[in-house]
Amino acid sequence: MITEDVLTNRLCATRSGPDVIPTTIQSDTAMRTVAVSDKPREVNRFSRMFDAMASNALPPRDTPKFLNQLVREIAE
């Protein structure tokens, strides 16, 4: 499930509306390194990644079923 304010897959992009391109991005790594950039090239790159991730996300109503399936698979 992805909302407009999201911190998922170590990518944070906050938007004010569906057609608004963020002007700043924040990237977090597993080692707790944080990078913030306002460079247009980086913002565009992360915006494309965010849009690809959001377009492939399950709708909220399907998320619990998917998580339960993962739990079953891990438990096997």
N, C-alpha and C. Protein backbone atom coordinates (compact mmCIF):
# COMPACT_ATOMS: atom_id res chain seq x y z
N MET A 1 0.86 -1.17 0.00
CA MET A 1 0.00 0.00 0.00
C MET A 1 0.90 1.22 0.00
N ILE A 2 0.61 2.19 -0.84
CA ILE A 2 1.41 3.40 -0.92
C ILE A 2 0.49 4.61 -0.78
N THR A 3 0.88 5.51 0.08
CA THR A 3 0.13 6.75 0.27
C THR A 3 0.93 7.89 -0.34
N GLU A 4 0.37 9.09 -0.33
CA GLU A 4 1.05 10.24 -0.90
C GLU A 4 2.31 10.61 -0.12
N ASP A 5 2.30 10.44 1.20
CA ASP A 5 3.51 10.65 1.99
C ASP A 5 4.02 9.27 2.35
N VAL A 6 5.14 8.88 1.77
CA VAL A 6 5.57 7.50 1.89
C VAL A 6 7.06 7.39 2.19
N LEU A 7 7.39 6.43 3.01
CA LEU A 7 8.78 6.05 3.22
C LEU A 7 8.82 4.55 3.00
N THR A 8 9.11 4.16 1.76
CA THR A 8 9.06 2.77 1.36
C THR A 8 10.25 2.48 0.46
N ASN A 9 10.82 1.30 0.60
CA ASN A 9 11.99 0.94 -0.19
C ASN A 9 13.08 2.00 -0.09
N ARG A 10 13.18 2.58 1.07
CA ARG A 10 14.22 3.56 1.36
C ARG A 10 14.14 4.80 0.48
N LEU A 11 12.96 5.15 0.04
CA LEU A 11 12.74 6.33 -0.78
C LEU A 11 11.65 7.16 -0.16
N CYS A 12 11.89 8.43 0.02
CA CYS A 12 10.87 9.30 0.59
C CYS A 12 10.58 10.41 -0.40
N ALA A 13 9.34 10.54 -0.79
CA ALA A 13 8.93 11.63 -1.67
C ALA A 13 7.60 12.16 -1.17
N THR A 14 7.55 13.41 -0.81
CA THR A 14 6.32 14.01 -0.31
C THR A 14 5.73 14.87 -1.42
N ARG A 15 4.45 14.69 -1.65
CA ARG A 15 3.78 15.42 -2.72
C ARG A 15 2.60 16.20 -2.17
N SER A 16 2.31 17.32 -2.83
CA SER A 16 1.17 18.14 -2.44
C SER A 16 -0.06 17.81 -3.26
N GLY A 17 0.11 17.13 -4.35
CA GLY A 17 -1.01 16.76 -5.21
C GLY A 17 -0.54 15.75 -6.24
N PRO A 18 -1.46 15.14 -6.96
CA PRO A 18 -1.08 14.08 -7.89
C PRO A 18 -0.20 14.53 -9.04
N ASP A 19 -0.27 15.80 -9.43
CA ASP A 19 0.52 16.28 -10.56
C ASP A 19 1.71 17.13 -10.14
N VAL A 20 2.00 17.17 -8.85
CA VAL A 20 3.10 17.99 -8.34
C VAL A 20 4.37 17.15 -8.27
N ILE A 21 5.43 17.63 -8.90
CA ILE A 21 6.72 16.95 -8.82
C ILE A 21 7.46 17.51 -7.61
N PRO A 22 7.96 16.62 -6.75
CA PRO A 22 8.68 17.11 -5.57
C PRO A 22 9.93 17.89 -5.97
N THR A 23 10.33 18.82 -5.14
CA THR A 23 11.53 19.61 -5.41
C THR A 23 12.72 19.12 -4.61
N THR A 24 12.48 18.22 -3.65
CA THR A 24 13.54 17.67 -2.82
C THR A 24 13.25 16.19 -2.58
N ILE A 25 14.30 15.39 -2.58
CA ILE A 25 14.14 13.97 -2.28
C ILE A 25 15.03 13.60 -1.10
N GLN A 26 14.65 12.52 -0.43
CA GLN A 26 15.45 11.99 0.66
C GLN A 26 15.60 10.50 0.43
N SER A 27 16.82 10.02 0.55
CA SER A 27 17.09 8.60 0.38
C SER A 27 17.74 8.08 1.65
N ASP A 28 17.18 7.01 2.22
CA ASP A 28 17.71 6.37 3.41
C ASP A 28 18.24 5.00 3.03
N THR A 29 19.35 4.61 3.62
CA THR A 29 19.89 3.28 3.36
C THR A 29 19.71 2.41 4.59
N ALA A 30 19.96 1.12 4.43
CA ALA A 30 19.85 0.19 5.55
C ALA A 30 20.87 0.51 6.65
N MET A 31 21.94 1.19 6.30
CA MET A 31 22.97 1.54 7.28
C MET A 31 22.70 2.89 7.93
N ARG A 32 21.47 3.38 7.78
CA ARG A 32 21.01 4.65 8.37
C ARG A 32 21.68 5.89 7.77
N THR A 33 22.22 5.74 6.59
CA THR A 33 22.76 6.89 5.89
C THR A 33 21.60 7.63 5.24
N VAL A 34 21.59 8.93 5.38
CA VAL A 34 20.51 9.74 4.80
C VAL A 34 21.13 10.72 3.81
N ALA A 35 20.55 10.78 2.63
CA ALA A 35 20.99 11.74 1.63
C ALA A 35 19.78 12.57 1.21
N VAL A 36 19.96 13.87 1.14
CA VAL A 36 18.90 14.77 0.69
C VAL A 36 19.45 15.54 -0.50
N SER A 37 18.64 15.68 -1.53
CA SER A 37 19.08 16.38 -2.72
C SER A 37 17.95 17.22 -3.29
N ASP A 38 18.32 18.37 -3.82
CA ASP A 38 17.35 19.20 -4.53
C ASP A 38 17.79 19.40 -5.98
N LYS A 39 18.77 18.60 -6.41
CA LYS A 39 19.24 18.68 -7.79
C LYS A 39 18.16 18.13 -8.71
N PRO A 40 17.77 18.88 -9.73
CA PRO A 40 16.69 18.44 -10.61
C PRO A 40 16.90 17.04 -11.18
N ARG A 41 18.14 16.70 -11.55
CA ARG A 41 18.40 15.37 -12.12
C ARG A 41 18.07 14.27 -11.10
N GLU A 42 18.51 14.44 -9.85
CA GLU A 42 18.23 13.46 -8.81
C GLU A 42 16.74 13.41 -8.48
N VAL A 43 16.11 14.57 -8.37
CA VAL A 43 14.67 14.62 -8.07
C VAL A 43 13.89 13.90 -9.16
N ASN A 44 14.24 14.14 -10.42
CA ASN A 44 13.54 13.47 -11.53
C ASN A 44 13.76 11.96 -11.50
N ARG A 45 14.99 11.54 -11.20
CA ARG A 45 15.30 10.10 -11.14
C ARG A 45 14.49 9.42 -10.05
N PHE A 46 14.47 10.02 -8.84
CA PHE A 46 13.71 9.43 -7.75
C PHE A 46 12.21 9.52 -7.99
N SER A 47 11.76 10.58 -8.64
CA SER A 47 10.34 10.70 -8.96
C SER A 47 9.90 9.58 -9.90
N ARG A 48 10.74 9.26 -10.89
CA ARG A 48 10.41 8.15 -11.81
C ARG A 48 10.38 6.82 -11.05
N MET A 49 11.34 6.62 -10.13
CA MET A 49 11.36 5.39 -9.34
C MET A 49 10.10 5.30 -8.47
N PHE A 50 9.74 6.42 -7.83
CA PHE A 50 8.55 6.45 -6.98
C PHE A 50 7.30 6.15 -7.80
N ASP A 51 7.19 6.80 -8.97
CA ASP A 51 6.01 6.58 -9.81
C ASP A 51 5.92 5.12 -10.27
N ALA A 52 7.06 4.50 -10.61
CA ALA A 52 7.04 3.08 -11.01
C ALA A 52 6.61 2.21 -9.84
N MET A 53 7.13 2.50 -8.65
CA MET A 53 6.76 1.72 -7.47
C MET A 53 5.28 1.90 -7.15
N ALA A 54 4.80 3.13 -7.20
CA ALA A 54 3.40 3.41 -6.87
C ALA A 54 2.45 2.77 -7.89
N SER A 55 2.84 2.79 -9.15
CA SER A 55 1.94 2.22 -10.17
C SER A 55 1.84 0.70 -10.08
N ASN A 56 2.83 0.06 -9.44
CA ASN A 56 2.81 -1.39 -9.29
C ASN A 56 2.35 -1.85 -7.91
N ALA A 57 2.02 -0.91 -7.04
CA ALA A 57 1.59 -1.26 -5.68
C ALA A 57 0.19 -1.86 -5.70
N LEU A 58 -0.02 -2.77 -4.77
CA LEU A 58 -1.36 -3.34 -4.61
C LEU A 58 -2.30 -2.28 -4.04
N PRO A 59 -3.59 -2.38 -4.36
CA PRO A 59 -4.54 -1.48 -3.71
C PRO A 59 -4.63 -1.83 -2.22
N PRO A 60 -4.98 -0.88 -1.38
CA PRO A 60 -5.03 -1.13 0.07
C PRO A 60 -5.84 -2.36 0.45
N ARG A 61 -6.92 -2.64 -0.23
CA ARG A 61 -7.77 -3.78 0.14
C ARG A 61 -7.06 -5.12 -0.09
N ASP A 62 -6.05 -5.16 -0.98
CA ASP A 62 -5.34 -6.40 -1.28
C ASP A 62 -4.08 -6.59 -0.43
N THR A 63 -3.65 -5.56 0.26
CA THR A 63 -2.42 -5.63 1.03
C THR A 63 -2.46 -6.69 2.14
N PRO A 64 -3.52 -6.77 2.97
CA PRO A 64 -3.54 -7.79 4.02
C PRO A 64 -3.42 -9.22 3.47
N LYS A 65 -4.11 -9.50 2.36
CA LYS A 65 -4.04 -10.83 1.76
C LYS A 65 -2.60 -11.14 1.33
N PHE A 66 -1.94 -10.18 0.72
CA PHE A 66 -0.56 -10.36 0.27
C PHE A 66 0.37 -10.59 1.47
N LEU A 67 0.22 -9.81 2.52
CA LEU A 67 1.06 -9.98 3.71
C LEU A 67 0.83 -11.33 4.36
N ASN A 68 -0.41 -11.78 4.43
CA ASN A 68 -0.70 -13.10 4.98
C ASN A 68 -0.07 -14.21 4.14
N GLN A 69 -0.08 -14.04 2.83
CA GLN A 69 0.56 -15.00 1.94
C GLN A 69 2.05 -15.06 2.21
N LEU A 70 2.69 -13.90 2.40
CA LEU A 70 4.11 -13.88 2.71
C LEU A 70 4.41 -14.58 4.03
N VAL A 71 3.58 -14.35 5.02
CA VAL A 71 3.76 -14.99 6.33
C VAL A 71 3.71 -16.51 6.17
N ARG A 72 2.74 -17.01 5.40
CA ARG A 72 2.63 -18.45 5.17
C ARG A 72 3.86 -19.00 4.46
N GLU A 73 4.34 -18.27 3.46
CA GLU A 73 5.51 -18.73 2.71
C GLU A 73 6.77 -18.75 3.58
N ILE A 74 6.92 -17.77 4.43
CA ILE A 74 8.10 -17.70 5.31
C ILE A 74 8.04 -18.80 6.35
N ALA A 75 6.85 -19.12 6.82
CA ALA A 75 6.68 -20.12 7.86
C ALA A 75 6.92 -21.54 7.35
N GLU A 76 6.87 -21.74 6.07
CA GLU A 76 7.06 -23.10 5.50
C GLU A 76 8.47 -23.58 5.66
